[in-house]
Protein backbone atom coordinates (compact mmCIF):
# COMPACT_ATOMS: atom_id res chain seq x y z
CA UNK A 1 88.75 114.37 88.53
CA UNK A 2 87.77 110.76 89.54
CA UNK A 3 90.89 110.59 91.62
CA UNK A 4 89.84 113.71 93.67
CA UNK A 5 86.42 112.15 94.28
CA UNK A 6 88.04 108.87 95.45
CA UNK A 7 90.26 110.80 97.87
CA UNK A 8 87.33 112.80 99.15
CA UNK A 9 85.41 109.48 99.91
CA UNK A 10 88.20 107.06 100.87
CA UNK A 11 90.95 109.46 101.98
CA UNK A 12 94.30 110.23 100.58
CA UNK A 13 97.23 107.77 99.99
CA UNK A 14 100.01 109.76 101.80
CA UNK A 15 103.74 109.31 100.99
CA UNK A 16 106.67 111.41 102.19
CA UNK A 17 108.14 112.98 99.00
CA UNK A 18 110.95 114.98 100.51
CA UNK A 19 112.38 115.45 104.05
CA UNK A 20 113.00 119.14 104.43
CA UNK A 21 114.61 119.09 107.80
CA UNK A 22 114.24 117.45 111.19
CA UNK A 23 110.41 117.67 111.88
CA UNK A 24 109.39 119.04 108.43
CA UNK A 25 108.63 117.27 105.13
CA UNK A 26 106.73 117.54 101.91
CA UNK A 27 103.88 115.09 101.72
CA UNK A 28 101.95 113.93 98.61
CA UNK A 29 99.00 111.70 97.59
CA UNK A 30 99.70 109.07 95.11
CA UNK A 31 96.13 108.99 93.96
CA UNK A 32 95.20 112.67 93.34
CA UNK A 33 98.77 114.10 93.06
CA UNK A 34 98.12 116.79 95.74
CA UNK A 35 100.90 118.06 97.92
CA UNK A 36 101.24 119.42 101.55
CA UNK A 37 103.83 120.67 103.79
CA UNK A 38 103.94 119.02 107.26
CA UNK A 39 105.70 120.42 110.34
CA UNK A 40 105.75 118.33 113.58
CA UNK A 41 106.74 121.08 115.91
CA UNK A 42 103.70 123.19 115.07
CA UNK A 43 101.51 120.22 114.25
CA UNK A 44 100.61 121.88 110.94
CA UNK A 45 99.63 120.43 107.54
CA UNK A 46 99.08 122.93 104.80
CA UNK A 47 98.78 122.68 100.94
CA UNK A 48 102.12 122.95 99.19
CA UNK A 49 102.24 126.09 96.97
CA UNK A 50 104.70 128.07 95.00
CA UNK A 51 106.02 129.85 98.07
CA UNK A 52 106.98 126.56 99.72
CA UNK A 53 108.63 125.41 96.57
CA UNK A 54 110.64 128.68 96.29
CA UNK A 55 111.73 128.37 99.90
CA UNK A 56 112.81 124.82 99.70
CA UNK A 57 114.19 124.72 96.16
CA UNK A 58 117.85 124.24 95.56
CA UNK A 59 119.44 127.53 96.62
CA UNK A 60 116.32 128.58 98.53
CA UNK A 61 116.75 130.10 101.99
CA UNK A 62 115.32 126.91 103.69
CA UNK A 63 117.01 124.35 101.50
CA UNK A 64 117.29 121.05 103.40
CA UNK A 65 120.65 120.55 105.31
CA UNK A 66 121.46 117.26 103.46
CA UNK A 67 121.39 119.01 100.06
CA UNK A 68 123.69 121.92 101.23
CA UNK A 69 126.57 119.60 101.92
């Protein structure tokens, strides 16, 4: 709870957690443990949810190219 308040006041501490493909990645906050999907081509930044996890999980239809090899 306090971490979310700190992030609301001071901003998130972003880190790249997983590179999904060229131009897309999973981003997280080390302080409040929130996660987002980031896509450079569409300039979008949306909350990571179960649908993203299912798509990019091992065996998912959008699994990263590095993990398929």
